[in-house]
Every structure is written in C-alpha cells, then in structure tokens.
PDB file of N, CA and C in Angstrom:
ATOM      1  N   UNK A   1       3.799  -8.128  12.637  1.00  0.00           N
ATOM      2  CA  UNK A   1       2.951  -8.371  13.778  1.00  0.00           C
ATOM      3  C   UNK A   1       2.136  -7.108  14.064  1.00  0.00           C
ATOM      4  N   UNK A   2       0.889  -7.287  14.410  1.00  0.00           N
ATOM      5  CA  UNK A   2       0.001  -6.172  14.726  1.00  0.00           C
ATOM      6  C   UNK A   2       0.074  -5.914  16.227  1.00  0.00           C
ATOM      7  N   UNK A   3       0.363  -4.671  16.583  1.00  0.00           N
ATOM      8  CA  UNK A   3       0.495  -4.336  18.000  1.00  0.00           C
ATOM      9  C   UNK A   3      -0.869  -4.070  18.637  1.00  0.00           C
ATOM     10  N   UNK A   4      -0.914  -4.175  19.951  1.00  0.00           N
ATOM     11  CA  UNK A   4      -2.130  -3.865  20.699  1.00  0.00           C
ATOM     12  C   UNK A   4      -2.509  -2.395  20.508  1.00  0.00           C
ATOM     13  N   UNK A   5      -1.506  -1.540  20.423  1.00  0.00           N
ATOM     14  CA  UNK A   5      -1.729  -0.105  20.203  1.00  0.00           C
ATOM     15  C   UNK A   5      -2.427   0.142  18.860  1.00  0.00           C
ATOM     16  N   UNK A   6      -2.018  -0.582  17.832  1.00  0.00           N
ATOM     17  CA  UNK A   6      -2.644  -0.433  16.508  1.00  0.00           C
ATOM     18  C   UNK A   6      -4.099  -0.872  16.563  1.00  0.00           C
ATOM     19  N   UNK A   7      -4.372  -2.013  17.183  1.00  0.00           N
ATOM     20  CA  UNK A   7      -5.744  -2.513  17.277  1.00  0.00           C
ATOM     21  C   UNK A   7      -6.605  -1.561  18.099  1.00  0.00           C
ATOM     22  N   UNK A   8      -6.073  -1.066  19.197  1.00  0.00           N
ATOM     23  CA  UNK A   8      -6.810  -0.146  20.076  1.00  0.00           C
ATOM     24  C   UNK A   8      -7.218   1.134  19.341  1.00  0.00           C
ATOM     25  N   UNK A   9      -6.403   1.561  18.400  1.00  0.00           N
ATOM     26  CA  UNK A   9      -6.653   2.812  17.676  1.00  0.00           C
ATOM     27  C   UNK A   9      -7.109   2.581  16.236  1.00  0.00           C
ATOM     28  N   UNK A  10      -7.645   1.415  15.965  1.00  0.00           N
ATOM     29  CA  UNK A  10      -8.038   1.085  14.600  1.00  0.00           C
ATOM     30  C   UNK A  10      -9.451   1.572  14.269  1.00  0.00           C
ATOM     31  N   UNK A  11      -9.694   1.671  12.978  1.00  0.00           N
ATOM     32  CA  UNK A  11     -10.992   2.074  12.439  1.00  0.00           C
ATOM     33  C   UNK A  11     -11.410   1.006  11.434  1.00  0.00           C
ATOM     34  N   UNK A  12     -12.678   0.633  11.482  1.00  0.00           N
ATOM     35  CA  UNK A  12     -13.200  -0.332  10.531  1.00  0.00           C
ATOM     36  C   UNK A  12     -14.107   0.355   9.521  1.00  0.00           C
ATOM     37  N   UNK A  13     -13.974  -0.042   8.271  1.00  0.00           N
ATOM     38  CA  UNK A  13     -14.838   0.480   7.216  1.00  0.00           C
ATOM     39  C   UNK A  13     -15.413  -0.692   6.440  1.00  0.00           C
ATOM     40  N   UNK A  14     -16.686  -0.599   6.095  1.00  0.00           N
ATOM     41  CA  UNK A  14     -17.323  -1.617   5.253  1.00  0.00           C
ATOM     42  C   UNK A  14     -17.397  -1.071   3.836  1.00  0.00           C
ATOM     43  N   UNK A  15     -16.840  -1.820   2.905  1.00  0.00           N
ATOM     44  CA  UNK A  15     -16.863  -1.456   1.499  1.00  0.00           C
ATOM     45  C   UNK A  15     -17.858  -2.368   0.808  1.00  0.00           C
ATOM     46  N   UNK A  16     -18.857  -1.788   0.209  1.00  0.00           N
ATOM     47  CA  UNK A  16     -19.932  -2.566  -0.409  1.00  0.00           C
ATOM     48  C   UNK A  16     -19.554  -3.034  -1.803  1.00  0.00           C
ATOM     49  N   UNK A  17     -19.914  -4.276  -2.082  1.00  0.00           N
ATOM     50  CA  UNK A  17     -19.729  -4.832  -3.414  1.00  0.00           C
ATOM     51  C   UNK A  17     -18.298  -5.166  -3.781  1.00  0.00           C
ATOM     52  N   UNK A  18     -17.461  -5.423  -2.775  1.00  0.00           N
ATOM     53  CA  UNK A  18     -16.050  -5.723  -3.044  1.00  0.00           C
ATOM     54  C   UNK A  18     -15.651  -6.998  -2.291  1.00  0.00           C
ATOM     55  N   UNK A  19     -15.009  -7.894  -2.983  1.00  0.00           N
ATOM     56  CA  UNK A  19     -14.480  -9.099  -2.343  1.00  0.00           C
ATOM     57  C   UNK A  19     -13.035  -8.825  -1.908  1.00  0.00           C
ATOM     58  N   UNK A  20     -12.481  -9.654  -1.019  1.00  0.00           N
ATOM     59  CA  UNK A  20     -11.072  -9.462  -0.634  1.00  0.00           C
ATOM     60  C   UNK A  20     -10.133  -9.475  -1.847  1.00  0.00           C
ATOM     61  N   UNK A  21     -10.406 -10.364  -2.780  1.00  0.00           N
ATOM     62  CA  UNK A  21      -9.568 -10.451  -3.973  1.00  0.00           C
ATOM     63  C   UNK A  21      -9.650  -9.174  -4.813  1.00  0.00           C
ATOM     64  N   UNK A  22     -10.885  -8.662  -4.987  1.00  0.00           N
ATOM     65  CA  UNK A  22     -11.071  -7.411  -5.737  1.00  0.00           C
ATOM     66  C   UNK A  22     -10.315  -6.271  -5.063  1.00  0.00           C
ATOM     67  N   UNK A  23     -10.394  -6.218  -3.743  1.00  0.00           N
ATOM     68  CA  UNK A  23      -9.743  -5.143  -2.998  1.00  0.00           C
ATOM     69  C   UNK A  23      -8.235  -5.156  -3.234  1.00  0.00           C
ATOM     70  N   UNK A  24      -7.634  -6.319  -3.065  1.00  0.00           N
ATOM     71  CA  UNK A  24      -6.179  -6.420  -3.214  1.00  0.00           C
ATOM     72  C   UNK A  24      -5.745  -6.128  -4.643  1.00  0.00           C
ATOM     73  N   UNK A  25      -6.475  -6.659  -5.606  1.00  0.00           N
ATOM     74  CA  UNK A  25      -6.071  -6.501  -7.004  1.00  0.00           C
ATOM     75  C   UNK A  25      -6.423  -5.153  -7.609  1.00  0.00           C
ATOM     76  N   UNK A  26      -7.554  -4.558  -7.190  1.00  0.00           N
ATOM     77  CA  UNK A  26      -8.038  -3.376  -7.906  1.00  0.00           C
ATOM     78  C   UNK A  26      -8.341  -2.141  -7.062  1.00  0.00           C
ATOM     79  N   UNK A  27      -8.523  -2.286  -5.762  1.00  0.00           N
ATOM     80  CA  UNK A  27      -9.015  -1.157  -4.972  1.00  0.00           C
ATOM     81  C   UNK A  27      -8.091  -0.668  -3.853  1.00  0.00           C
ATOM     82  N   UNK A  28      -7.125  -1.450  -3.466  1.00  0.00           N
ATOM     83  CA  UNK A  28      -6.281  -1.098  -2.313  1.00  0.00           C
ATOM     84  C   UNK A  28      -5.565   0.239  -2.509  1.00  0.00           C
ATOM     85  N   UNK A  29      -4.974   0.420  -3.661  1.00  0.00           N
ATOM     86  CA  UNK A  29      -4.223   1.653  -3.939  1.00  0.00           C
ATOM     87  C   UNK A  29      -5.142   2.879  -3.835  1.00  0.00           C
ATOM     88  N   UNK A  30      -6.334   2.803  -4.434  1.00  0.00           N
ATOM     89  CA  UNK A  30      -7.275   3.925  -4.362  1.00  0.00           C
ATOM     90  C   UNK A  30      -7.775   4.149  -2.942  1.00  0.00           C
ATOM     91  N   UNK A  31      -7.983   3.067  -2.187  1.00  0.00           N
ATOM     92  CA  UNK A  31      -8.395   3.171  -0.787  1.00  0.00           C
ATOM     93  C   UNK A  31      -7.340   3.940   0.014  1.00  0.00           C
ATOM     94  N   UNK A  32      -6.080   3.565  -0.152  1.00  0.00           N
ATOM     95  CA  UNK A  32      -4.995   4.242   0.564  1.00  0.00           C
ATOM     96  C   UNK A  32      -4.870   5.709   0.148  1.00  0.00           C
ATOM     97  N   UNK A  33      -4.994   5.984  -1.140  1.00  0.00           N
ATOM     98  CA  UNK A  33      -4.905   7.375  -1.610  1.00  0.00           C
ATOM     99  C   UNK A  33      -6.090   8.194  -1.098  1.00  0.00           C
ATOM    100  N   UNK A  34      -7.270   7.582  -1.032  1.00  0.00           N
ATOM    101  CA  UNK A  34      -8.432   8.286  -0.486  1.00  0.00           C
ATOM    102  C   UNK A  34      -8.245   8.636   0.981  1.00  0.00           C
ATOM    103  N   UNK A  35      -7.725   7.688   1.759  1.00  0.00           N
ATOM    104  CA  UNK A  35      -7.443   7.969   3.175  1.00  0.00           C
ATOM    105  C   UNK A  35      -6.368   9.043   3.310  1.00  0.00           C
ATOM    106  N   UNK A  36      -5.344   8.946   2.484  1.00  0.00           N
ATOM    107  CA  UNK A  36      -4.270   9.944   2.515  1.00  0.00           C
ATOM    108  C   UNK A  36      -4.831  11.344   2.299  1.00  0.00           C
ATOM    109  N   UNK A  37      -5.705  11.479   1.318  1.00  0.00           N
ATOM    110  CA  UNK A  37      -6.291  12.790   1.022  1.00  0.00           C
ATOM    111  C   UNK A  37      -7.237  13.254   2.120  1.00  0.00           C
ATOM    112  N   UNK A  38      -8.085  12.362   2.598  1.00  0.00           N
ATOM    113  CA  UNK A  38      -9.072  12.725   3.619  1.00  0.00           C
ATOM    114  C   UNK A  38      -8.419  13.086   4.943  1.00  0.00           C
ATOM    115  N   UNK A  39      -7.334  12.392   5.283  1.00  0.00           N
ATOM    116  CA  UNK A  39      -6.708  12.580   6.588  1.00  0.00           C
ATOM    117  C   UNK A  39      -5.458  13.453   6.542  1.00  0.00           C
ATOM    118  N   UNK A  40      -5.028  13.822   5.336  1.00  0.00           N
ATOM    119  CA  UNK A  40      -3.832  14.641   5.160  1.00  0.00           C
ATOM    120  C   UNK A  40      -2.620  13.974   5.826  1.00  0.00           C
ATOM    121  N   UNK A  41      -2.376  12.744   5.439  1.00  0.00           N
ATOM    122  CA  UNK A  41      -1.283  11.941   6.000  1.00  0.00           C
ATOM    123  C   UNK A  41      -0.493  11.309   4.862  1.00  0.00           C
ATOM    124  N   UNK A  42       0.598  10.649   5.213  1.00  0.00           N
ATOM    125  CA  UNK A  42       1.375   9.911   4.223  1.00  0.00           C
ATOM    126  C   UNK A  42       0.792   8.508   4.086  1.00  0.00           C
ATOM    127  N   UNK A  43       0.746   8.006   2.871  1.00  0.00           N
ATOM    128  CA  UNK A  43       0.214   6.666   2.615  1.00  0.00           C
ATOM    129  C   UNK A  43       0.969   5.617   3.417  1.00  0.00           C
ATOM    130  N   UNK A  44       2.272   5.780   3.566  1.00  0.00           N
ATOM    131  CA  UNK A  44       3.073   4.772   4.275  1.00  0.00           C
ATOM    132  C   UNK A  44       2.761   4.717   5.775  1.00  0.00           C
ATOM    133  N   UNK A  45       2.018   5.693   6.292  1.00  0.00           N
ATOM    134  CA  UNK A  45       1.634   5.681   7.707  1.00  0.00           C
ATOM    135  C   UNK A  45       0.333   4.929   7.966  1.00  0.00           C
ATOM    136  N   UNK A  46      -0.298   4.430   6.914  1.00  0.00           N
ATOM    137  CA  UNK A  46      -1.540   3.674   7.058  1.00  0.00           C
ATOM    138  C   UNK A  46      -1.196   2.190   7.158  1.00  0.00           C
ATOM    139  N   UNK A  47      -1.625   1.567   8.231  1.00  0.00           N
ATOM    140  CA  UNK A  47      -1.440   0.129   8.410  1.00  0.00           C
ATOM    141  C   UNK A  47      -2.784  -0.559   8.232  1.00  0.00           C
ATOM    142  N   UNK A  48      -2.910  -1.372   7.197  1.00  0.00           N
ATOM    143  CA  UNK A  48      -4.116  -2.183   7.041  1.00  0.00           C
ATOM    144  C   UNK A  48      -3.920  -3.423   7.898  1.00  0.00           C
ATOM    145  N   UNK A  49      -4.782  -3.556   8.906  1.00  0.00           N
ATOM    146  CA  UNK A  49      -4.643  -4.635   9.875  1.00  0.00           C
ATOM    147  C   UNK A  49      -5.389  -5.891   9.460  1.00  0.00           C
ATOM    148  N   UNK A  50      -6.517  -5.707   8.767  1.00  0.00           N
ATOM    149  CA  UNK A  50      -7.344  -6.852   8.411  1.00  0.00           C
ATOM    150  C   UNK A  50      -8.262  -6.502   7.252  1.00  0.00           C
ATOM    151  N   UNK A  51      -8.443  -7.461   6.373  1.00  0.00           N
ATOM    152  CA  UNK A  51      -9.505  -7.387   5.375  1.00  0.00           C
ATOM    153  C   UNK A  51     -10.228  -8.727   5.411  1.00  0.00           C
ATOM    154  N   UNK A  52     -11.549  -8.664   5.481  1.00  0.00           N
ATOM    155  CA  UNK A  52     -12.318  -9.911   5.508  1.00  0.00           C
ATOM    156  C   UNK A  52     -13.727  -9.671   5.010  1.00  0.00           C
ATOM    157  N   UNK A  53     -14.338 -10.699   4.441  1.00  0.00           N
ATOM    158  CA  UNK A  53     -15.722 -10.554   3.984  1.00  0.00           C
ATOM    159  C   UNK A  53     -16.633 -10.211   5.160  1.00  0.00           C
ATOM    160  N   UNK A  54     -17.600  -9.352   4.908  1.00  0.00           N
ATOM    161  CA  UNK A  54     -18.553  -8.961   5.953  1.00  0.00           C
ATOM    162  C   UNK A  54     -19.525 -10.096   6.203  1.00  0.00           C
ATOM    163  N   UNK A  55     -19.986 -10.154   7.427  1.00  0.00           N
ATOM    164  CA  UNK A  55     -21.039 -11.102   7.773  1.00  0.00           C
ATOM    165  C   UNK A  55     -22.296 -10.314   8.074  1.00  0.00           C
ATOM    166  N   UNK A  56     -23.444 -10.899   7.801  1.00  0.00           N
ATOM    167  CA  UNK A  56     -24.714 -10.221   8.070  1.00  0.00           C
ATOM    168  C   UNK A  56     -24.833  -9.948   9.562  1.00  0.00           C
ATOM    169  N   UNK A  57     -25.179  -8.718   9.905  1.00  0.00           N
ATOM    170  CA  UNK A  57     -25.337  -8.355  11.310  1.00  0.00           C
ATOM    171  C   UNK A  57     -26.604  -8.980  11.889  1.00  0.00           C
ATOM    172  N   UNK A  58     -27.577  -9.162  11.041  1.00  0.00           N
ATOM    173  CA  UNK A  58     -28.844  -9.734  11.490  1.00  0.00           C
ATOM    174  C   UNK A  58     -29.266 -10.807  10.508  1.00  0.00           C
ATOM    175  N   UNK A  59     -29.859 -11.865  10.998  1.00  0.00           N
ATOM    176  CA  UNK A  59     -30.262 -12.959  10.115  1.00  0.00           C
ATOM    177  C   UNK A  59     -31.381 -12.557   9.160  1.00  0.00           C
ATOM    178  N   UNK A  60     -32.114 -11.488   9.483  1.00  0.00           N
ATOM    179  CA  UNK A  60     -33.208 -11.027   8.629  1.00  0.00           C
ATOM    180  C   UNK A  60     -32.710 -10.210   7.441  1.00  0.00           C
ATOM    181  N   UNK A  61     -31.453  -9.852   7.466  1.00  0.00           N
ATOM    182  CA  UNK A  61     -30.900  -9.023   6.400  1.00  0.00           C
ATOM    183  C   UNK A  61     -30.960  -9.781   5.082  1.00  0.00           C
ATOM    184  N   UNK A  62     -31.556  -9.157   4.079  1.00  0.00           N
ATOM    185  CA  UNK A  62     -31.752  -9.823   2.795  1.00  0.00           C
ATOM    186  C   UNK A  62     -30.622  -9.542   1.813  1.00  0.00           C
ATOM    187  N   UNK A  63     -29.908  -8.448   2.014  1.00  0.00           N
ATOM    188  CA  UNK A  63     -28.848  -8.081   1.091  1.00  0.00           C
ATOM    189  C   UNK A  63     -27.715  -9.102   1.171  1.00  0.00           C
ATOM    190  N   UNK A  64     -27.123  -9.408   0.044  1.00  0.00           N
ATOM    191  CA  UNK A  64     -26.019 -10.350  -0.005  1.00  0.00           C
ATOM    192  C   UNK A  64     -24.761  -9.681   0.520  1.00  0.00           C
ATOM    193  N   UNK A  65     -24.326 -10.055   1.722  1.00  0.00           N
ATOM    194  CA  UNK A  65     -23.144  -9.430   2.305  1.00  0.00           C
ATOM    195  C   UNK A  65     -21.857 -10.136   1.912  1.00  0.00           C
ATOM    196  N   UNK A  66     -21.961 -11.216   1.141  1.00  0.00           N
ATOM    197  CA  UNK A  66     -20.749 -11.901   0.719  1.00  0.00           C
ATOM    198  C   UNK A  66     -19.916 -11.033  -0.210  1.00  0.00           C
ATOM    199  N   UNK A  67     -20.502  -9.995  -0.765  1.00  0.00           N
ATOM    200  CA  UNK A  67     -19.777  -9.098  -1.653  1.00  0.00           C
ATOM    201  C   UNK A  67     -19.360  -7.818  -0.939  1.00  0.00           C
ATOM    202  N   UNK A  68     -19.517  -7.779   0.362  1.00  0.00           N
ATOM    203  CA  UNK A  68     -19.069  -6.630   1.138  1.00  0.00           C
ATOM    204  C   UNK A  68     -17.783  -7.006   1.869  1.00  0.00           C
ATOM    205  N   UNK A  69     -16.977  -6.004   2.136  1.00  0.00           N
ATOM    206  CA  UNK A  69     -15.676  -6.241   2.735  1.00  0.00           C
ATOM    207  C   UNK A  69     -15.490  -5.328   3.935  1.00  0.00           C
ATOM    208  N   UNK A  70     -15.002  -5.873   5.034  1.00  0.00           N
ATOM    209  CA  UNK A  70     -14.634  -5.084   6.206  1.00  0.00           C
ATOM    210  C   UNK A  70     -13.127  -4.890   6.196  1.00  0.00           C
ATOM    211  N   UNK A  71     -12.700  -3.624   6.244  1.00  0.00           N
ATOM    212  CA  UNK A  71     -11.284  -3.281   6.255  1.00  0.00           C
ATOM    213  C   UNK A  71     -10.987  -2.597   7.586  1.00  0.00           C
ATOM    214  N   UNK A  72     -10.012  -3.115   8.309  1.00  0.00           N
ATOM    215  CA  UNK A  72      -9.589  -2.547   9.584  1.00  0.00           C
ATOM    216  C   UNK A  72      -8.219  -1.922   9.377  1.00  0.00           C
ATOM    217  N   UNK A  73      -8.086  -0.648   9.754  1.00  0.00           N
ATOM    218  CA  UNK A  73      -6.808   0.034   9.561  1.00  0.00           C
ATOM    219  C   UNK A  73      -6.510   0.963  10.731  1.00  0.00           C
ATOM    220  N   UNK A  74      -5.241   1.310  10.863  1.00  0.00           N
ATOM    221  CA  UNK A  74      -4.778   2.277  11.861  1.00  0.00           C
ATOM    222  C   UNK A  74      -3.794   3.207  11.154  1.00  0.00           C
ATOM    223  N   UNK A  75      -3.627   4.410  11.722  1.00  0.00           N
ATOM    224  CA  UNK A  75      -2.731   5.393  11.108  1.00  0.00           C
ATOM    225  C   UNK A  75      -1.691   5.820  12.135  1.00  0.00           C
ATOM    226  N   UNK A  76      -0.430   5.680  11.755  1.00  0.00           N
ATOM    227  CA  UNK A  76       0.680   6.008  12.653  1.00  0.00           C
ATOM    228  C   UNK A  76       0.976   7.511  12.681  1.00  0.00           C
ATOM    229  N   UNK A  77       1.195   8.026  13.908  1.00  0.00           N
ATOM    230  CA  UNK A  77       1.722   9.388  14.104  1.00  0.00           C
ATOM    231  C   UNK A  77       3.246   9.334  14.043  1.00  0.00           C
ATOM    232  N   UNK A  78       3.784   8.297  14.641  1.00  0.00           N
ATOM    233  CA  UNK A  78       5.220   8.028  14.693  1.00  0.00           C
ATOM    234  C   UNK A  78       5.377   6.508  14.698  1.00  0.00           C
ATOM    235  N   UNK A  79       6.592   5.993  14.690  1.00  0.00           N
ATOM    236  CA  UNK A  79       6.745   4.544  14.543  1.00  0.00           C
ATOM    237  C   UNK A  79       5.918   3.670  15.498  1.00  0.00           C
ATOM    238  N   UNK A  80       5.689   4.094  16.732  1.00  0.00           N
ATOM    239  CA  UNK A  80       4.971   3.251  17.685  1.00  0.00           C
ATOM    240  C   UNK A  80       3.744   3.926  18.299  1.00  0.00           C
ATOM    241  N   UNK A  81       3.350   5.049  17.739  1.00  0.00           N
ATOM    242  CA  UNK A  81       2.199   5.799  18.257  1.00  0.00           C
ATOM    243  C   UNK A  81       1.194   5.979  17.124  1.00  0.00           C
ATOM    244  N   UNK A  82      -0.076   5.720  17.433  1.00  0.00           N
ATOM    245  CA  UNK A  82      -1.141   5.805  16.434  1.00  0.00           C
ATOM    246  C   UNK A  82      -2.108   6.938  16.763  1.00  0.00           C
ATOM    247  N   UNK A  83      -2.705   7.513  15.714  1.00  0.00           N
ATOM    248  CA  UNK A  83      -3.769   8.486  15.909  1.00  0.00           C
ATOM    249  C   UNK A  83      -4.943   7.777  16.573  1.00  0.00           C
ATOM    250  N   UNK A  84      -5.623   8.430  17.517  1.00  0.00           N
ATOM    251  CA  UNK A  84      -6.808   7.822  18.140  1.00  0.00           C
ATOM    252  C   UNK A  84      -7.910   7.608  17.102  1.00  0.00           C
ATOM    253  N   UNK A  85      -8.625   6.505  17.225  1.00  0.00           N
ATOM    254  CA  UNK A  85      -9.670   6.172  16.256  1.00  0.00           C
ATOM    255  C   UNK A  85     -10.756   7.241  16.202  1.00  0.00           C
ATOM    256  N   UNK A  86     -11.103   7.833  17.337  1.00  0.00           N
ATOM    257  CA  UNK A  86     -12.138   8.878  17.341  1.00  0.00           C
ATOM    258  C   UNK A  86     -11.701  10.071  16.498  1.00  0.00           C
ATOM    259  N   UNK A  87     -10.438  10.420  16.580  1.00  0.00           N
ATOM    260  CA  UNK A  87      -9.914  11.537  15.794  1.00  0.00           C
ATOM    261  C   UNK A  87      -9.962  11.207  14.299  1.00  0.00           C
ATOM    262  N   UNK A  88      -9.598   9.989  13.945  1.00  0.00           N
ATOM    263  CA  UNK A  88      -9.638   9.580  12.534  1.00  0.00           C
ATOM    264  C   UNK A  88     -11.064   9.589  12.003  1.00  0.00           C
ATOM    265  N   UNK A  89     -11.989   9.015  12.774  1.00  0.00           N
ATOM    266  CA  UNK A  89     -13.394   8.980  12.342  1.00  0.00           C
ATOM    267  C   UNK A  89     -13.960  10.380  12.156  1.00  0.00           C
ATOM    268  N   UNK A  90     -13.668  11.265  13.082  1.00  0.00           N
ATOM    269  CA  UNK A  90     -14.170  12.644  12.977  1.00  0.00           C
ATOM    270  C   UNK A  90     -13.643  13.308  11.713  1.00  0.00           C
ATOM    271  N   UNK A  91     -12.384  13.114  11.419  1.00  0.00           N
ATOM    272  CA  UNK A  91     -11.793  13.737  10.234  1.00  0.00           C
ATOM    273  C   UNK A  91     -12.356  13.116   8.953  1.00  0.00           C
ATOM    274  N   UNK A  92     -12.539  11.803   8.943  1.00  0.00           N
ATOM    275  CA  UNK A  92     -13.115  11.144   7.766  1.00  0.00           C
ATOM    276  C   UNK A  92     -14.522  11.647   7.514  1.00  0.00           C
ATOM    277  N   UNK A  93     -15.308  11.755   8.573  1.00  0.00           N
ATOM    278  CA  UNK A  93     -16.697  12.214   8.420  1.00  0.00           C
ATOM    279  C   UNK A  93     -16.776  13.653   7.930  1.00  0.00           C
ATOM    280  N   UNK A  94     -15.868  14.508   8.360  1.00  0.00           N
ATOM    281  CA  UNK A  94     -15.930  15.905   7.932  1.00  0.00           C
ATOM    282  C   UNK A  94     -15.418  16.110   6.507  1.00  0.00           C
ATOM    283  N   UNK A  95     -14.625  15.165   5.996  1.00  0.00           N
ATOM    284  CA  UNK A  95     -14.098  15.328   4.644  1.00  0.00           C
ATOM    285  C   UNK A  95     -14.792  14.452   3.623  1.00  0.00           C
ATOM    286  N   UNK A  96     -15.843  13.774   4.039  1.00  0.00           N
ATOM    287  CA  UNK A  96     -16.589  12.917   3.108  1.00  0.00           C
ATOM    288  C   UNK A  96     -18.073  13.075   3.349  1.00  0.00           C
ATOM    289  N   UNK A  97     -18.843  12.316   2.618  1.00  0.00           N
ATOM    290  CA  UNK A  97     -20.292  12.361   2.807  1.00  0.00           C
ATOM    291  C   UNK A  97     -20.779  11.181   3.640  1.00  0.00           C
ATOM    292  N   UNK A  98     -19.898  10.626   4.474  1.00  0.00           N
ATOM    293  CA  UNK A  98     -20.289   9.512   5.343  1.00  0.00           C
ATOM    294  C   UNK A  98     -21.140  10.007   6.485  1.00  0.00           C
ATOM    295  N   UNK A  99     -22.043   9.144   6.942  1.00  0.00           N
ATOM    296  CA  UNK A  99     -22.897   9.501   8.072  1.00  0.00           C
ATOM    297  C   UNK A  99     -22.615   8.577   9.235  1.00  0.00           C
TER     298      UNK A  99
END
C-alpha cells in the first residue's frame, strides 16, 4: 500500500521513448542505480509508486507521447519517513544535466 507520506514526498520523472513494458523488462534496474548514485542512497530505499504512459499536456503537441513514461517515486529516510521532494529534486538537478 502506498502511504500518504510517500505520495506527498514523491517526485515524477518523464522518460522519453520508453513504454511501461520496456521499463520493467529493461530499464528499471538502471533507473534505480542511477537514482542511487545521484542521491547517494540505498536502492532499497527507493519506492516506485507508479509507472504509466505519459499523456500529451497539450492537444497541439505533435510528438508521440505514447512512447514516453511517467515514473513516480519516493525515497525513504527511515521506514515511515521520506525525503522531501524539493530536496530530492535539488540533488538530482545538481548531479545531472537536467533543467
């Protein structure tokens, strides 16, 4: 079960060109290892809350978003306490080339 605390402190990432099936079969392990390295945390502290195909934000968008994936995750500090999403985003941005 996903707790309210996990959802409140979750971060969403859009992965381009990946379907849910591709993610589970081929990319999940690398995604978790990338977060582990970027955030300096243990992989087992990452809770993936949701994976789902992205929907176009605007009807004028021409790019095919059916191949994009939205991944929602939270990172535990302790069994029932999560890192704040703002803290996670700041750390991800400083350790990657994300804007």
